[in-house]
């Protein structure tokens, strides 16, 4: 898996423990808490432990999305194999002040392009809660389509796929 990805405006690098300050900001942002959930990460120690858990989980890849001009961290793109899904899942989250500028689309599109080249990763899935309209809009723009509703840990999720055959994964 590529550790560094570059687009016109962005650079994406694999998450490291040095990103702990950014992770504290991101996981405590309103959108993260509302749509992803409270991770109880409020200190340097908690953030580093959270990052190390991600880094030590097989088939979990997280890239920090940065604006190239100034190397400013603005979000993450994840690509991971969840236990309750048959295929890999892509995810994205941005700090709220960077939403609406096309950054998530640009970064996710580049990651999708990279992983889609490997047949092992096809189809690629995505999950979101039904009320996360901005994520749903982005998934549709990226070529995903709704597959079905799932219930995971008593939470309703919508499953999307980029499969061209529209088979339920």
C-alpha atoms as a PDB file:
ATOM      1  CA  UNK A   1       0.000   0.000   0.000  1.00  0.00           C
ATOM      2  CA  UNK A   2       1.322   3.443  -0.908  1.00  0.00           C
ATOM      3  CA  UNK A   3       2.489   5.444   2.088  1.00  0.00           C
ATOM      4  CA  UNK A   4       2.499   8.799   0.272  1.00  0.00           C
ATOM      5  CA  UNK A   5      -0.012  10.069  -2.274  1.00  0.00           C
ATOM      6  CA  UNK A   6       0.008  13.456  -3.967  1.00  0.00           C
ATOM      7  CA  UNK A   7      -2.801  15.287  -5.776  1.00  0.00           C
ATOM      8  CA  UNK A   8      -2.958  18.783  -7.265  1.00  0.00           C
ATOM      9  CA  UNK A   9      -3.657  20.457  -3.904  1.00  0.00           C
ATOM     10  CA  UNK A  10      -3.057  17.759  -1.343  1.00  0.00           C
ATOM     11  CA  UNK A  11      -0.537  15.331   0.066  1.00  0.00           C
ATOM     12  CA  UNK A  12      -1.614  12.188   1.899  1.00  0.00           C
ATOM     13  CA  UNK A  13       0.771  10.402   4.234  1.00  0.00           C
ATOM     14  CA  UNK A  14       0.248   7.377   6.437  1.00  0.00           C
ATOM     15  CA  UNK A  15      -0.840   8.345   9.945  1.00  0.00           C
ATOM     16  CA  UNK A  16       1.950   8.374  12.570  1.00  0.00           C
ATOM     17  CA  UNK A  17       2.094   9.026  16.304  1.00  0.00           C
ATOM     18  CA  UNK A  18       3.469  12.481  15.456  1.00  0.00           C
ATOM     19  CA  UNK A  19      -0.038  13.370  14.200  1.00  0.00           C
ATOM     20  CA  UNK A  20      -1.492  13.190  17.719  1.00  0.00           C
ATOM     21  CA  UNK A  21      -2.375  16.913  18.021  1.00  0.00           C
ATOM     22  CA  UNK A  22      -4.274  16.817  14.739  1.00  0.00           C
ATOM     23  CA  UNK A  23      -6.063  13.600  15.752  1.00  0.00           C
ATOM     24  CA  UNK A  24      -7.211  15.194  19.020  1.00  0.00           C
ATOM     25  CA  UNK A  25      -8.760  18.051  17.007  1.00  0.00           C
ATOM     26  CA  UNK A  26     -10.324  15.787  14.397  1.00  0.00           C
ATOM     27  CA  UNK A  27     -11.902  13.159  16.653  1.00  0.00           C
ATOM     28  CA  UNK A  28     -13.356  15.874  18.878  1.00  0.00           C
ATOM     29  CA  UNK A  29     -14.857  17.879  16.024  1.00  0.00           C
ATOM     30  CA  UNK A  30     -18.635  18.144  15.901  1.00  0.00           C
ATOM     31  CA  UNK A  31     -18.981  16.143  12.688  1.00  0.00           C
ATOM     32  CA  UNK A  32     -16.786  13.302  13.929  1.00  0.00           C
ATOM     33  CA  UNK A  33     -18.686  12.979  17.184  1.00  0.00           C
ATOM     34  CA  UNK A  34     -22.084  13.242  15.467  1.00  0.00           C
ATOM     35  CA  UNK A  35     -21.448  10.907  12.547  1.00  0.00           C
ATOM     36  CA  UNK A  36     -18.622   8.605  13.674  1.00  0.00           C
ATOM     37  CA  UNK A  37     -18.795   8.652  17.463  1.00  0.00           C
ATOM     38  CA  UNK A  38     -16.941   9.859  20.518  1.00  0.00           C
ATOM     39  CA  UNK A  39     -13.585   8.107  20.781  1.00  0.00           C
ATOM     40  CA  UNK A  40     -12.746   9.592  24.203  1.00  0.00           C
ATOM     41  CA  UNK A  41      -9.420  10.926  22.945  1.00  0.00           C
ATOM     42  CA  UNK A  42      -8.584  14.151  24.769  1.00  0.00           C
ATOM     43  CA  UNK A  43      -4.900  13.997  25.676  1.00  0.00           C
ATOM     44  CA  UNK A  44      -1.570  13.319  24.013  1.00  0.00           C
ATOM     45  CA  UNK A  45      -1.354   9.911  25.707  1.00  0.00           C
ATOM     46  CA  UNK A  46      -4.869   8.941  24.584  1.00  0.00           C
ATOM     47  CA  UNK A  47      -4.243  10.168  21.032  1.00  0.00           C
ATOM     48  CA  UNK A  48      -0.981   8.254  20.699  1.00  0.00           C
ATOM     49  CA  UNK A  49      -2.658   5.106  22.075  1.00  0.00           C
ATOM     50  CA  UNK A  50      -5.532   5.578  19.579  1.00  0.00           C
ATOM     51  CA  UNK A  51      -3.070   6.008  16.690  1.00  0.00           C
ATOM     52  CA  UNK A  52      -0.987   3.014  17.781  1.00  0.00           C
ATOM     53  CA  UNK A  53      -4.131   0.861  17.923  1.00  0.00           C
ATOM     54  CA  UNK A  54      -4.895   1.842  14.312  1.00  0.00           C
ATOM     55  CA  UNK A  55      -1.316   1.243  13.186  1.00  0.00           C
ATOM     56  CA  UNK A  56      -1.195  -2.167  14.879  1.00  0.00           C
ATOM     57  CA  UNK A  57      -4.449  -3.418  13.355  1.00  0.00           C
ATOM     58  CA  UNK A  58      -3.973  -5.577  10.284  1.00  0.00           C
ATOM     59  CA  UNK A  59      -5.670  -4.267   7.144  1.00  0.00           C
ATOM     60  CA  UNK A  60      -6.204  -0.754   8.567  1.00  0.00           C
ATOM     61  CA  UNK A  61      -4.730   2.103   6.519  1.00  0.00           C
ATOM     62  CA  UNK A  62      -5.166   5.751   7.483  1.00  0.00           C
ATOM     63  CA  UNK A  63      -3.743   8.650   5.506  1.00  0.00           C
ATOM     64  CA  UNK A  64      -3.558  12.161   6.913  1.00  0.00           C
ATOM     65  CA  UNK A  65      -4.751  14.607   4.268  1.00  0.00           C
ATOM     66  CA  UNK A  66      -2.721  17.811   4.157  1.00  0.00           C
ATOM     67  CA  UNK A  67      -2.947  20.931   2.047  1.00  0.00           C
ATOM     68  CA  UNK A  68       0.367  20.979   0.182  1.00  0.00           C
ATOM     69  CA  UNK A  69       0.702  24.738   0.567  1.00  0.00           C
ATOM     70  CA  UNK A  70       1.769  24.937   4.218  1.00  0.00           C
ATOM     71  CA  UNK A  71       1.532  21.195   4.968  1.00  0.00           C
ATOM     72  CA  UNK A  72      -1.667  21.821   6.979  1.00  0.00           C
ATOM     73  CA  UNK A  73      -3.427  18.635   8.181  1.00  0.00           C
ATOM     74  CA  UNK A  74      -7.134  18.832   7.356  1.00  0.00           C
ATOM     75  CA  UNK A  75      -8.537  15.311   7.492  1.00  0.00           C
ATOM     76  CA  UNK A  76      -8.100  11.593   7.033  1.00  0.00           C
ATOM     77  CA  UNK A  77      -8.923   8.949   4.472  1.00  0.00           C
ATOM     78  CA  UNK A  78      -9.230   5.424   5.824  1.00  0.00           C
ATOM     79  CA  UNK A  79      -9.194   2.143   3.953  1.00  0.00           C
ATOM     80  CA  UNK A  80      -9.847  -0.849   6.130  1.00  0.00           C
ATOM     81  CA  UNK A  81     -11.314  -4.287   6.416  1.00  0.00           C
ATOM     82  CA  UNK A  82     -14.102  -4.264   8.980  1.00  0.00           C
ATOM     83  CA  UNK A  83     -15.040  -7.573  10.609  1.00  0.00           C
ATOM     84  CA  UNK A  84     -18.698  -7.189   9.632  1.00  0.00           C
ATOM     85  CA  UNK A  85     -18.019  -6.495   5.937  1.00  0.00           C
ATOM     86  CA  UNK A  86     -16.877  -8.895   3.234  1.00  0.00           C
ATOM     87  CA  UNK A  87     -14.743  -6.282   1.443  1.00  0.00           C
ATOM     88  CA  UNK A  88     -12.602  -3.257   2.300  1.00  0.00           C
ATOM     89  CA  UNK A  89     -14.312  -0.006   3.282  1.00  0.00           C
ATOM     90  CA  UNK A  90     -13.219   3.548   2.493  1.00  0.00           C
ATOM     91  CA  UNK A  91     -13.918   6.387   4.899  1.00  0.00           C
ATOM     92  CA  UNK A  92     -13.160  10.068   5.163  1.00  0.00           C
ATOM     93  CA  UNK A  93     -13.372  12.875   7.682  1.00  0.00           C
ATOM     94  CA  UNK A  94     -12.310  16.510   7.522  1.00  0.00           C
ATOM     95  CA  UNK A  95     -12.027  19.253  10.069  1.00  0.00           C
ATOM     96  CA  UNK A  96     -15.196  21.340   9.651  1.00  0.00           C
ATOM     97  CA  UNK A  97     -13.407  24.468   8.459  1.00  0.00           C
ATOM     98  CA  UNK A  98     -12.116  22.554   5.408  1.00  0.00           C
ATOM     99  CA  UNK A  99     -15.430  21.023   4.321  1.00  0.00           C
ATOM    100  CA  UNK A 100     -17.030  22.191   1.097  1.00  0.00           C
ATOM    101  CA  UNK A 101     -13.828  22.827  -0.869  1.00  0.00           C
ATOM    102  CA  UNK A 102     -13.636  19.469  -2.652  1.00  0.00           C
ATOM    103  CA  UNK A 103     -10.722  18.219  -0.553  1.00  0.00           C
ATOM    104  CA  UNK A 104     -12.442  14.995   0.584  1.00  0.00           C
ATOM    105  CA  UNK A 105     -13.436  14.209  -3.008  1.00  0.00           C
ATOM    106  CA  UNK A 106      -9.936  14.887  -4.313  1.00  0.00           C
ATOM    107  CA  UNK A 107      -8.260  12.747  -1.641  1.00  0.00           C
ATOM    108  CA  UNK A 108     -10.776   9.880  -1.706  1.00  0.00           C
ATOM    109  CA  UNK A 109     -10.742   9.752  -5.511  1.00  0.00           C
ATOM    110  CA  UNK A 110      -6.963   9.359  -5.495  1.00  0.00           C
ATOM    111  CA  UNK A 111      -7.039   6.589  -2.861  1.00  0.00           C
ATOM    112  CA  UNK A 112      -9.822   4.823  -4.785  1.00  0.00           C
ATOM    113  CA  UNK A 113      -7.791   5.055  -7.977  1.00  0.00           C
ATOM    114  CA  UNK A 114      -4.804   3.485  -6.245  1.00  0.00           C
ATOM    115  CA  UNK A 115      -6.653   0.618  -4.534  1.00  0.00           C
ATOM    116  CA  UNK A 116      -8.980  -0.117  -7.466  1.00  0.00           C
ATOM    117  CA  UNK A 117      -5.949  -1.142  -9.506  1.00  0.00           C
ATOM    118  CA  UNK A 118      -5.697  -4.200  -7.230  1.00  0.00           C
ATOM    119  CA  UNK A 119      -8.524  -6.658  -8.001  1.00  0.00           C
ATOM    120  CA  UNK A 120      -8.207  -8.011  -4.437  1.00  0.00           C
ATOM    121  CA  UNK A 121      -9.880  -4.822  -3.185  1.00  0.00           C
ATOM    122  CA  UNK A 122     -12.877  -4.879  -5.529  1.00  0.00           C
ATOM    123  CA  UNK A 123     -15.588  -4.032  -4.849  1.00  0.00           C
ATOM    124  CA  UNK A 124     -14.868  -1.260  -2.375  1.00  0.00           C
ATOM    125  CA  UNK A 125     -17.519  -0.534   0.213  1.00  0.00           C
ATOM    126  CA  UNK A 126     -18.422   2.455   2.353  1.00  0.00           C
ATOM    127  CA  UNK A 127     -20.727   2.799   5.329  1.00  0.00           C
ATOM    128  CA  UNK A 128     -22.392   5.819   6.845  1.00  0.00           C
ATOM    129  CA  UNK A 129     -25.275   6.587   9.108  1.00  0.00           C
ATOM    130  CA  UNK A 130     -28.401   7.536   7.146  1.00  0.00           C
ATOM    131  CA  UNK A 131     -28.389  11.132   8.445  1.00  0.00           C
ATOM    132  CA  UNK A 132     -24.872  11.914   7.170  1.00  0.00           C
ATOM    133  CA  UNK A 133     -26.090  13.578   3.983  1.00  0.00           C
ATOM    134  CA  UNK A 134     -22.756  15.181   3.074  1.00  0.00           C
ATOM    135  CA  UNK A 135     -20.994  11.794   3.153  1.00  0.00           C
ATOM    136  CA  UNK A 136     -23.773  10.209   1.110  1.00  0.00           C
ATOM    137  CA  UNK A 137     -23.514  13.003  -1.467  1.00  0.00           C
ATOM    138  CA  UNK A 138     -19.743  12.485  -1.710  1.00  0.00           C
ATOM    139  CA  UNK A 139     -20.092   8.701  -2.015  1.00  0.00           C
ATOM    140  CA  UNK A 140     -22.539   9.121  -4.896  1.00  0.00           C
ATOM    141  CA  UNK A 141     -20.190  11.621  -6.574  1.00  0.00           C
ATOM    142  CA  UNK A 142     -17.378   9.058  -6.227  1.00  0.00           C
ATOM    143  CA  UNK A 143     -19.477   6.472  -8.083  1.00  0.00           C
ATOM    144  CA  UNK A 144     -20.831   4.492  -5.150  1.00  0.00           C
ATOM    145  CA  UNK A 145     -24.426   3.325  -4.970  1.00  0.00           C
ATOM    146  CA  UNK A 146     -26.640   2.284  -2.083  1.00  0.00           C
ATOM    147  CA  UNK A 147     -26.705  -1.462  -1.465  1.00  0.00           C
ATOM    148  CA  UNK A 148     -28.612  -2.058   1.749  1.00  0.00           C
ATOM    149  CA  UNK A 149     -29.173  -1.111   5.361  1.00  0.00           C
ATOM    150  CA  UNK A 150     -27.176  -2.893   8.063  1.00  0.00           C
ATOM    151  CA  UNK A 151     -27.492  -2.915  11.825  1.00  0.00           C
ATOM    152  CA  UNK A 152     -24.118  -3.010  13.578  1.00  0.00           C
ATOM    153  CA  UNK A 153     -23.930  -2.730  17.368  1.00  0.00           C
ATOM    154  CA  UNK A 154     -27.567  -1.564  17.433  1.00  0.00           C
ATOM    155  CA  UNK A 155     -26.811   1.263  14.969  1.00  0.00           C
ATOM    156  CA  UNK A 156     -28.357   1.547  11.503  1.00  0.00           C
ATOM    157  CA  UNK A 157     -25.801   1.979   8.762  1.00  0.00           C
ATOM    158  CA  UNK A 158     -26.201   2.387   5.045  1.00  0.00           C
ATOM    159  CA  UNK A 159     -23.864   0.272   2.961  1.00  0.00           C
ATOM    160  CA  UNK A 160     -22.596   1.639  -0.350  1.00  0.00           C
ATOM    161  CA  UNK A 161     -20.536  -0.120  -3.012  1.00  0.00           C
ATOM    162  CA  UNK A 162     -18.593   0.912  -6.087  1.00  0.00           C
ATOM    163  CA  UNK A 163     -19.384  -2.440  -7.704  1.00  0.00           C
ATOM    164  CA  UNK A 164     -20.501  -2.079 -11.297  1.00  0.00           C
ATOM    165  CA  UNK A 165     -22.558  -5.288 -11.132  1.00  0.00           C
ATOM    166  CA  UNK A 166     -24.719  -4.045  -8.246  1.00  0.00           C
ATOM    167  CA  UNK A 167     -24.471  -7.408  -6.540  1.00  0.00           C
ATOM    168  CA  UNK A 168     -25.009  -7.181  -2.807  1.00  0.00           C
ATOM    169  CA  UNK A 169     -21.578  -7.621  -1.230  1.00  0.00           C
END
